[in-house]
């Protein structure tokens, strides 16, 4: 088979959590363009429907699914809806996440637990539910969104909960990859660097955000933040046949930030 054909996702089905905006939206569009049928899952159903409209307008196939990924029953229902609609689930992109800048001494325990619930617990719930239907098929791709913040204690912002949760995603990815390899399930992760999504742009429009940007840019060897489109090649690669010998790995896409 020609190498570019091995990147195609025709006949495969995918679900992307947090798919209604930002990096998740970009992942949905990329997977659909590569030929997959895509379930856009988000707690904001209207955002998910907007992405579905974009995919359909471009000739792809997609559905919108409402899901609170911290709720085990809703995660199971999300996976069941994909299977009921298309007969199976080939690709699970566990992308939903949140962040907050807060000094450790000022962080309430409820805020800590909320970040862990969305960034870490939910990745486990989504991966486990996806594996439930992938195991009988003997094949599947699970792709978790981690962060360069899983690799470093980046600066100058204080984000102990975010960094810790994403480091947990990295080690969970490795552990599940080893556990499920014999079932034909590959588990990998993507670690984006600073990425210009709409939500990040709003943050950077504040005085604190502008100050952070002045600190970040000189630390990035490539001299700019990522766009969501900079991450699309990675998600298609990890979802496709071409990466079938890859599991338990992390793709760090940070413009070189972690080189120094």
C-alpha atoms as a PDB file:
ATOM      1  CA  UNK A   1       0.000   0.000   0.000  1.00  0.00           C
ATOM      2  CA  UNK A   2       1.253   3.503  -0.835  1.00  0.00           C
ATOM      3  CA  UNK A   3       2.468   5.426   2.175  1.00  0.00           C
ATOM      4  CA  UNK A   4      -0.102   8.227   1.913  1.00  0.00           C
ATOM      5  CA  UNK A   5      -2.897   5.662   1.692  1.00  0.00           C
ATOM      6  CA  UNK A   6      -1.802   4.342   5.079  1.00  0.00           C
ATOM      7  CA  UNK A   7      -2.723   7.700   6.597  1.00  0.00           C
ATOM      8  CA  UNK A   8      -6.319   7.386   5.364  1.00  0.00           C
ATOM      9  CA  UNK A   9      -9.107   6.703   7.881  1.00  0.00           C
ATOM     10  CA  UNK A  10     -11.833   5.563   5.502  1.00  0.00           C
ATOM     11  CA  UNK A  11     -14.203   3.144   7.186  1.00  0.00           C
ATOM     12  CA  UNK A  12     -13.090   4.117  10.688  1.00  0.00           C
ATOM     13  CA  UNK A  13     -15.190   5.757  13.389  1.00  0.00           C
ATOM     14  CA  UNK A  14     -13.943   8.255  15.926  1.00  0.00           C
ATOM     15  CA  UNK A  15     -15.117  10.125  18.992  1.00  0.00           C
ATOM     16  CA  UNK A  16     -13.419  13.327  20.143  1.00  0.00           C
ATOM     17  CA  UNK A  17     -14.211  14.732  23.577  1.00  0.00           C
ATOM     18  CA  UNK A  18     -14.071  18.481  23.947  1.00  0.00           C
ATOM     19  CA  UNK A  19     -14.634  18.470  20.209  1.00  0.00           C
ATOM     20  CA  UNK A  20     -16.740  21.619  20.089  1.00  0.00           C
ATOM     21  CA  UNK A  21     -13.922  24.140  20.117  1.00  0.00           C
ATOM     22  CA  UNK A  22     -10.197  24.764  20.107  1.00  0.00           C
ATOM     23  CA  UNK A  23      -7.851  21.827  19.724  1.00  0.00           C
ATOM     24  CA  UNK A  24     -10.744  19.354  19.861  1.00  0.00           C
ATOM     25  CA  UNK A  25     -12.497  21.035  16.948  1.00  0.00           C
ATOM     26  CA  UNK A  26      -9.269  20.938  14.941  1.00  0.00           C
ATOM     27  CA  UNK A  27      -8.901  17.220  15.681  1.00  0.00           C
ATOM     28  CA  UNK A  28     -12.473  16.558  14.534  1.00  0.00           C
ATOM     29  CA  UNK A  29     -11.955  18.387  11.244  1.00  0.00           C
ATOM     30  CA  UNK A  30      -8.670  16.587  10.566  1.00  0.00           C
ATOM     31  CA  UNK A  31     -10.042  13.103  11.274  1.00  0.00           C
ATOM     32  CA  UNK A  32     -13.060  13.778   9.074  1.00  0.00           C
ATOM     33  CA  UNK A  33     -10.883  15.078   6.229  1.00  0.00           C
ATOM     34  CA  UNK A  34      -8.846  11.876   6.459  1.00  0.00           C
ATOM     35  CA  UNK A  35     -12.023   9.840   5.964  1.00  0.00           C
ATOM     36  CA  UNK A  36     -13.259   8.938   9.448  1.00  0.00           C
ATOM     37  CA  UNK A  37     -16.819   9.271  10.660  1.00  0.00           C
ATOM     38  CA  UNK A  38     -16.559  11.575  13.655  1.00  0.00           C
ATOM     39  CA  UNK A  39     -18.654  11.921  16.802  1.00  0.00           C
ATOM     40  CA  UNK A  40     -18.101  15.425  18.137  1.00  0.00           C
ATOM     41  CA  UNK A  41     -18.612  15.090  21.896  1.00  0.00           C
ATOM     42  CA  UNK A  42     -18.884  18.132  24.113  1.00  0.00           C
ATOM     43  CA  UNK A  43     -20.684  19.330  27.224  1.00  0.00           C
ATOM     44  CA  UNK A  44     -21.866  22.259  25.041  1.00  0.00           C
ATOM     45  CA  UNK A  45     -24.065  20.537  22.472  1.00  0.00           C
ATOM     46  CA  UNK A  46     -24.510  23.667  20.353  1.00  0.00           C
ATOM     47  CA  UNK A  47     -20.736  23.985  19.910  1.00  0.00           C
ATOM     48  CA  UNK A  48     -20.606  20.320  18.908  1.00  0.00           C
ATOM     49  CA  UNK A  49     -23.393  20.818  16.379  1.00  0.00           C
ATOM     50  CA  UNK A  50     -21.528  23.752  14.837  1.00  0.00           C
ATOM     51  CA  UNK A  51     -18.478  21.550  14.237  1.00  0.00           C
ATOM     52  CA  UNK A  52     -20.687  18.819  12.791  1.00  0.00           C
ATOM     53  CA  UNK A  53     -22.088  21.376  10.353  1.00  0.00           C
ATOM     54  CA  UNK A  54     -18.560  22.281   9.258  1.00  0.00           C
ATOM     55  CA  UNK A  55     -17.695  18.636   8.678  1.00  0.00           C
ATOM     56  CA  UNK A  56     -20.873  17.889   6.758  1.00  0.00           C
ATOM     57  CA  UNK A  57     -20.472  21.029   4.629  1.00  0.00           C
ATOM     58  CA  UNK A  58     -17.024  19.763   3.623  1.00  0.00           C
ATOM     59  CA  UNK A  59     -18.448  16.384   2.592  1.00  0.00           C
ATOM     60  CA  UNK A  60     -17.703  14.433   5.775  1.00  0.00           C
ATOM     61  CA  UNK A  61     -19.870  12.409   8.155  1.00  0.00           C
ATOM     62  CA  UNK A  62     -20.374  13.431  11.772  1.00  0.00           C
ATOM     63  CA  UNK A  63     -22.783  13.470  14.697  1.00  0.00           C
ATOM     64  CA  UNK A  64     -22.950  15.659  17.786  1.00  0.00           C
ATOM     65  CA  UNK A  65     -23.038  13.982  21.191  1.00  0.00           C
ATOM     66  CA  UNK A  66     -23.668  15.671  24.525  1.00  0.00           C
ATOM     67  CA  UNK A  67     -21.425  14.293  27.265  1.00  0.00           C
ATOM     68  CA  UNK A  68     -20.119  15.358  30.639  1.00  0.00           C
ATOM     69  CA  UNK A  69     -16.918  13.322  30.610  1.00  0.00           C
ATOM     70  CA  UNK A  70     -16.675  13.324  34.407  1.00  0.00           C
ATOM     71  CA  UNK A  71     -19.883  11.276  34.585  1.00  0.00           C
ATOM     72  CA  UNK A  72     -19.289   7.561  34.033  1.00  0.00           C
ATOM     73  CA  UNK A  73     -22.833   6.901  32.854  1.00  0.00           C
ATOM     74  CA  UNK A  74     -22.665   9.704  30.285  1.00  0.00           C
ATOM     75  CA  UNK A  75     -19.296   8.487  29.001  1.00  0.00           C
ATOM     76  CA  UNK A  76     -20.712   4.981  28.551  1.00  0.00           C
ATOM     77  CA  UNK A  77     -23.761   6.429  26.782  1.00  0.00           C
ATOM     78  CA  UNK A  78     -21.480   8.472  24.483  1.00  0.00           C
ATOM     79  CA  UNK A  79     -19.601   5.364  23.383  1.00  0.00           C
ATOM     80  CA  UNK A  80     -22.819   3.379  23.018  1.00  0.00           C
ATOM     81  CA  UNK A  81     -24.277   6.083  20.769  1.00  0.00           C
ATOM     82  CA  UNK A  82     -21.286   5.891  18.439  1.00  0.00           C
ATOM     83  CA  UNK A  83     -21.541   2.101  18.278  1.00  0.00           C
ATOM     84  CA  UNK A  84     -25.296   2.244  17.749  1.00  0.00           C
ATOM     85  CA  UNK A  85     -24.923   4.803  14.950  1.00  0.00           C
ATOM     86  CA  UNK A  86     -21.960   3.327  13.065  1.00  0.00           C
ATOM     87  CA  UNK A  87     -21.512  -0.193  14.365  1.00  0.00           C
ATOM     88  CA  UNK A  88     -18.220   0.261  16.180  1.00  0.00           C
ATOM     89  CA  UNK A  89     -15.559   2.591  17.507  1.00  0.00           C
ATOM     90  CA  UNK A  90     -12.058   2.637  15.999  1.00  0.00           C
ATOM     91  CA  UNK A  91     -10.570   5.841  17.435  1.00  0.00           C
ATOM     92  CA  UNK A  92     -11.078   7.535  20.790  1.00  0.00           C
ATOM     93  CA  UNK A  93      -9.515  10.978  21.226  1.00  0.00           C
ATOM     94  CA  UNK A  94      -9.725  11.937  24.886  1.00  0.00           C
ATOM     95  CA  UNK A  95      -9.162  15.641  24.629  1.00  0.00           C
ATOM     96  CA  UNK A  96     -11.513  17.481  27.010  1.00  0.00           C
ATOM     97  CA  UNK A  97      -9.649  19.484  29.616  1.00  0.00           C
ATOM     98  CA  UNK A  98      -9.457  22.708  31.587  1.00  0.00           C
ATOM     99  CA  UNK A  99      -6.732  24.822  33.135  1.00  0.00           C
ATOM    100  CA  UNK A 100      -6.384  27.521  35.748  1.00  0.00           C
ATOM    101  CA  UNK A 101      -3.561  29.746  36.897  1.00  0.00           C
ATOM    102  CA  UNK A 102      -3.487  29.565  40.665  1.00  0.00           C
ATOM    103  CA  UNK A 103      -0.702  29.500  43.239  1.00  0.00           C
ATOM    104  CA  UNK A 104      -0.687  26.280  45.234  1.00  0.00           C
ATOM    105  CA  UNK A 105      -1.271  28.114  48.495  1.00  0.00           C
ATOM    106  CA  UNK A 106      -4.351  29.848  47.088  1.00  0.00           C
ATOM    107  CA  UNK A 107      -5.979  26.799  45.484  1.00  0.00           C
ATOM    108  CA  UNK A 108      -9.139  25.475  47.099  1.00  0.00           C
ATOM    109  CA  UNK A 109      -9.357  21.706  47.284  1.00  0.00           C
ATOM    110  CA  UNK A 110     -12.616  21.747  45.314  1.00  0.00           C
ATOM    111  CA  UNK A 111     -10.854  23.551  42.456  1.00  0.00           C
ATOM    112  CA  UNK A 112      -8.027  20.987  42.553  1.00  0.00           C
ATOM    113  CA  UNK A 113     -10.526  18.128  42.441  1.00  0.00           C
ATOM    114  CA  UNK A 114     -12.453  19.664  39.526  1.00  0.00           C
ATOM    115  CA  UNK A 115      -9.288  19.930  37.431  1.00  0.00           C
ATOM    116  CA  UNK A 116      -8.341  16.357  38.269  1.00  0.00           C
ATOM    117  CA  UNK A 117     -11.853  15.140  37.486  1.00  0.00           C
ATOM    118  CA  UNK A 118     -11.851  16.653  33.993  1.00  0.00           C
ATOM    119  CA  UNK A 119      -8.189  16.357  33.010  1.00  0.00           C
ATOM    120  CA  UNK A 120      -7.319  12.986  34.529  1.00  0.00           C
ATOM    121  CA  UNK A 121     -10.313  10.990  35.783  1.00  0.00           C
ATOM    122  CA  UNK A 122     -12.289  11.653  32.613  1.00  0.00           C
ATOM    123  CA  UNK A 123      -9.430  10.453  30.395  1.00  0.00           C
ATOM    124  CA  UNK A 124      -9.479   7.170  32.305  1.00  0.00           C
ATOM    125  CA  UNK A 125     -13.252   6.838  32.034  1.00  0.00           C
ATOM    126  CA  UNK A 126     -13.233   7.556  28.288  1.00  0.00           C
ATOM    127  CA  UNK A 127     -10.310   5.233  27.596  1.00  0.00           C
ATOM    128  CA  UNK A 128     -11.896   2.405  29.575  1.00  0.00           C
ATOM    129  CA  UNK A 129     -15.255   2.744  27.827  1.00  0.00           C
ATOM    130  CA  UNK A 130     -13.578   2.881  24.426  1.00  0.00           C
ATOM    131  CA  UNK A 131     -11.535  -0.217  25.254  1.00  0.00           C
ATOM    132  CA  UNK A 132     -14.734  -2.024  26.211  1.00  0.00           C
ATOM    133  CA  UNK A 133     -15.870  -2.002  22.583  1.00  0.00           C
ATOM    134  CA  UNK A 134     -12.416  -2.123  20.979  1.00  0.00           C
ATOM    135  CA  UNK A 135     -11.332  -5.334  22.722  1.00  0.00           C
ATOM    136  CA  UNK A 136     -13.923  -7.583  21.003  1.00  0.00           C
ATOM    137  CA  UNK A 137     -12.856  -6.071  17.658  1.00  0.00           C
ATOM    138  CA  UNK A 138      -9.193  -6.768  18.428  1.00  0.00           C
ATOM    139  CA  UNK A 139      -8.131  -3.297  17.316  1.00  0.00           C
ATOM    140  CA  UNK A 140      -8.391   0.339  18.328  1.00  0.00           C
ATOM    141  CA  UNK A 141      -6.567   3.623  18.697  1.00  0.00           C
ATOM    142  CA  UNK A 142      -6.800   5.660  21.905  1.00  0.00           C
ATOM    143  CA  UNK A 143      -5.228   9.118  21.764  1.00  0.00           C
ATOM    144  CA  UNK A 144      -5.015  11.222  24.921  1.00  0.00           C
ATOM    145  CA  UNK A 145      -4.326  14.943  24.989  1.00  0.00           C
ATOM    146  CA  UNK A 146      -1.557  15.608  27.499  1.00  0.00           C
ATOM    147  CA  UNK A 147       0.566  18.779  27.460  1.00  0.00           C
ATOM    148  CA  UNK A 148       4.128  19.997  27.452  1.00  0.00           C
ATOM    149  CA  UNK A 149       3.200  20.947  31.026  1.00  0.00           C
ATOM    150  CA  UNK A 150       3.324  17.212  31.778  1.00  0.00           C
ATOM    151  CA  UNK A 151       7.051  17.324  31.016  1.00  0.00           C
ATOM    152  CA  UNK A 152       8.060  20.588  32.703  1.00  0.00           C
ATOM    153  CA  UNK A 153       7.004  22.986  35.443  1.00  0.00           C
ATOM    154  CA  UNK A 154       6.626  25.823  32.981  1.00  0.00           C
ATOM    155  CA  UNK A 155       6.833  29.446  33.979  1.00  0.00           C
ATOM    156  CA  UNK A 156       5.905  32.139  34.982  1.00  0.00           C
ATOM    157  CA  UNK A 157       2.326  31.007  35.594  1.00  0.00           C
ATOM    158  CA  UNK A 158       1.381  28.931  38.623  1.00  0.00           C
ATOM    159  CA  UNK A 159      -0.592  25.843  37.554  1.00  0.00           C
ATOM    160  CA  UNK A 160       0.288  22.981  39.851  1.00  0.00           C
ATOM    161  CA  UNK A 161      -3.037  21.190  39.348  1.00  0.00           C
ATOM    162  CA  UNK A 162      -2.900  21.393  35.550  1.00  0.00           C
ATOM    163  CA  UNK A 163       0.728  20.231  35.393  1.00  0.00           C
ATOM    164  CA  UNK A 164       0.057  17.353  37.768  1.00  0.00           C
ATOM    165  CA  UNK A 165      -3.079  16.218  35.957  1.00  0.00           C
ATOM    166  CA  UNK A 166      -1.326  16.180  32.579  1.00  0.00           C
ATOM    167  CA  UNK A 167       1.669  14.293  33.987  1.00  0.00           C
ATOM    168  CA  UNK A 168      -0.860  11.732  35.162  1.00  0.00           C
ATOM    169  CA  UNK A 169      -2.239  11.469  31.635  1.00  0.00           C
ATOM    170  CA  UNK A 170       1.259  10.648  30.332  1.00  0.00           C
ATOM    171  CA  UNK A 171       1.816   7.813  32.759  1.00  0.00           C
ATOM    172  CA  UNK A 172      -1.736   6.535  32.367  1.00  0.00           C
ATOM    173  CA  UNK A 173      -1.110   6.402  28.613  1.00  0.00           C
ATOM    174  CA  UNK A 174       2.002   4.269  29.081  1.00  0.00           C
ATOM    175  CA  UNK A 175       0.327   1.989  31.595  1.00  0.00           C
ATOM    176  CA  UNK A 176      -2.800   1.373  29.515  1.00  0.00           C
ATOM    177  CA  UNK A 177      -0.667   0.852  26.418  1.00  0.00           C
ATOM    178  CA  UNK A 178       1.153  -1.990  28.143  1.00  0.00           C
ATOM    179  CA  UNK A 179      -2.036  -3.486  29.578  1.00  0.00           C
ATOM    180  CA  UNK A 180      -4.048  -3.421  26.351  1.00  0.00           C
ATOM    181  CA  UNK A 181      -1.379  -4.196  23.756  1.00  0.00           C
ATOM    182  CA  UNK A 182      -2.395  -7.858  23.639  1.00  0.00           C
ATOM    183  CA  UNK A 183      -5.956  -6.737  22.831  1.00  0.00           C
ATOM    184  CA  UNK A 184      -4.773  -4.881  19.723  1.00  0.00           C
ATOM    185  CA  UNK A 185      -5.382  -1.456  21.279  1.00  0.00           C
ATOM    186  CA  UNK A 186      -2.721   1.217  20.827  1.00  0.00           C
ATOM    187  CA  UNK A 187      -2.657   4.027  23.404  1.00  0.00           C
ATOM    188  CA  UNK A 188      -0.603   7.163  22.720  1.00  0.00           C
ATOM    189  CA  UNK A 189      -0.723  10.832  23.623  1.00  0.00           C
ATOM    190  CA  UNK A 190      -0.133  14.269  22.153  1.00  0.00           C
ATOM    191  CA  UNK A 191       1.513  17.007  24.228  1.00  0.00           C
ATOM    192  CA  UNK A 192       0.807  20.439  22.749  1.00  0.00           C
ATOM    193  CA  UNK A 193       2.781  23.490  23.708  1.00  0.00           C
ATOM    194  CA  UNK A 194       1.197  26.920  23.977  1.00  0.00           C
ATOM    195  CA  UNK A 195      -1.610  26.909  21.404  1.00  0.00           C
ATOM    196  CA  UNK A 196      -3.671  29.858  20.151  1.00  0.00           C
ATOM    197  CA  UNK A 197      -7.251  28.764  20.602  1.00  0.00           C
ATOM    198  CA  UNK A 198     -10.124  31.219  20.987  1.00  0.00           C
ATOM    199  CA  UNK A 199     -10.149  30.699  24.758  1.00  0.00           C
ATOM    200  CA  UNK A 200      -6.399  31.304  25.006  1.00  0.00           C
ATOM    201  CA  UNK A 201      -6.682  34.413  22.846  1.00  0.00           C
ATOM    202  CA  UNK A 202      -9.277  35.817  25.245  1.00  0.00           C
ATOM    203  CA  UNK A 203      -6.929  35.133  28.136  1.00  0.00           C
ATOM    204  CA  UNK A 204      -4.030  36.793  26.344  1.00  0.00           C
ATOM    205  CA  UNK A 205      -6.166  39.913  25.855  1.00  0.00           C
ATOM    206  CA  UNK A 206      -6.035  40.522  29.621  1.00  0.00           C
ATOM    207  CA  UNK A 207      -3.116  42.399  31.240  1.00  0.00           C
ATOM    208  CA  UNK A 208      -1.991  39.202  32.981  1.00  0.00           C
ATOM    209  CA  UNK A 209      -2.206  37.254  29.734  1.00  0.00           C
ATOM    210  CA  UNK A 210      -0.226  39.849  27.794  1.00  0.00           C
ATOM    211  CA  UNK A 211       2.478  39.666  30.447  1.00  0.00           C
ATOM    212  CA  UNK A 212       2.575  35.872  30.143  1.00  0.00           C
ATOM    213  CA  UNK A 213       2.900  36.053  26.353  1.00  0.00           C
ATOM    214  CA  UNK A 214       5.936  38.319  26.665  1.00  0.00           C
ATOM    215  CA  UNK A 215       7.524  35.655  28.871  1.00  0.00           C
ATOM    216  CA  UNK A 216       6.588  32.696  26.676  1.00  0.00           C
ATOM    217  CA  UNK A 217       7.627  33.785  23.196  1.00  0.00           C
ATOM    218  CA  UNK A 218      11.387  34.193  23.829  1.00  0.00           C
ATOM    219  CA  UNK A 219      11.395  30.674  25.291  1.00  0.00           C
ATOM    220  CA  UNK A 220       9.973  29.082  22.118  1.00  0.00           C
ATOM    221  CA  UNK A 221      12.774  28.352  19.606  1.00  0.00           C
ATOM    222  CA  UNK A 222      10.365  28.597  16.665  1.00  0.00           C
ATOM    223  CA  UNK A 223       9.292  32.024  17.904  1.00  0.00           C
ATOM    224  CA  UNK A 224       5.519  31.615  17.961  1.00  0.00           C
ATOM    225  CA  UNK A 225       2.664  29.806  19.629  1.00  0.00           C
ATOM    226  CA  UNK A 226       1.053  26.858  17.868  1.00  0.00           C
ATOM    227  CA  UNK A 227      -2.194  27.049  15.977  1.00  0.00           C
ATOM    228  CA  UNK A 228      -4.652  24.159  16.416  1.00  0.00           C
ATOM    229  CA  UNK A 229      -3.862  23.165  12.825  1.00  0.00           C
ATOM    230  CA  UNK A 230      -0.246  22.496  13.842  1.00  0.00           C
ATOM    231  CA  UNK A 231      -1.540  19.504  15.834  1.00  0.00           C
ATOM    232  CA  UNK A 232      -3.697  17.913  13.135  1.00  0.00           C
ATOM    233  CA  UNK A 233      -0.976  15.816  11.537  1.00  0.00           C
ATOM    234  CA  UNK A 234      -0.227  14.142  14.854  1.00  0.00           C
ATOM    235  CA  UNK A 235      -3.796  13.064  15.538  1.00  0.00           C
ATOM    236  CA  UNK A 236      -4.240  11.655  12.024  1.00  0.00           C
ATOM    237  CA  UNK A 237      -0.920   9.816  12.270  1.00  0.00           C
ATOM    238  CA  UNK A 238      -1.789   8.232  15.618  1.00  0.00           C
ATOM    239  CA  UNK A 239      -5.291   7.314  14.416  1.00  0.00           C
ATOM    240  CA  UNK A 240      -4.114   5.698  11.184  1.00  0.00           C
ATOM    241  CA  UNK A 241      -2.661   2.334  10.224  1.00  0.00           C
ATOM    242  CA  UNK A 242       0.720   3.932   9.599  1.00  0.00           C
ATOM    243  CA  UNK A 243       1.328   4.175  13.379  1.00  0.00           C
ATOM    244  CA  UNK A 244       0.239   0.621  14.222  1.00  0.00           C
ATOM    245  CA  UNK A 245       3.648  -0.251  15.705  1.00  0.00           C
ATOM    246  CA  UNK A 246       3.528   2.725  18.076  1.00  0.00           C
ATOM    247  CA  UNK A 247       2.048   2.501  21.565  1.00  0.00           C
ATOM    248  CA  UNK A 248       2.757   4.078  24.933  1.00  0.00           C
ATOM    249  CA  UNK A 249       4.405   7.065  23.250  1.00  0.00           C
ATOM    250  CA  UNK A 250       3.921  10.814  23.491  1.00  0.00           C
ATOM    251  CA  UNK A 251       4.261  13.295  20.623  1.00  0.00           C
ATOM    252  CA  UNK A 252       5.577  16.591  22.013  1.00  0.00           C
ATOM    253  CA  UNK A 253       4.568  19.449  19.706  1.00  0.00           C
ATOM    254  CA  UNK A 254       5.810  22.608  21.397  1.00  0.00           C
ATOM    255  CA  UNK A 255       7.854  24.592  18.894  1.00  0.00           C
ATOM    256  CA  UNK A 256      10.975  23.433  20.698  1.00  0.00           C
ATOM    257  CA  UNK A 257      10.029  24.885  24.099  1.00  0.00           C
ATOM    258  CA  UNK A 258      11.256  21.810  25.996  1.00  0.00           C
ATOM    259  CA  UNK A 259      14.627  21.781  24.188  1.00  0.00           C
ATOM    260  CA  UNK A 260      16.049  24.326  26.636  1.00  0.00           C
END
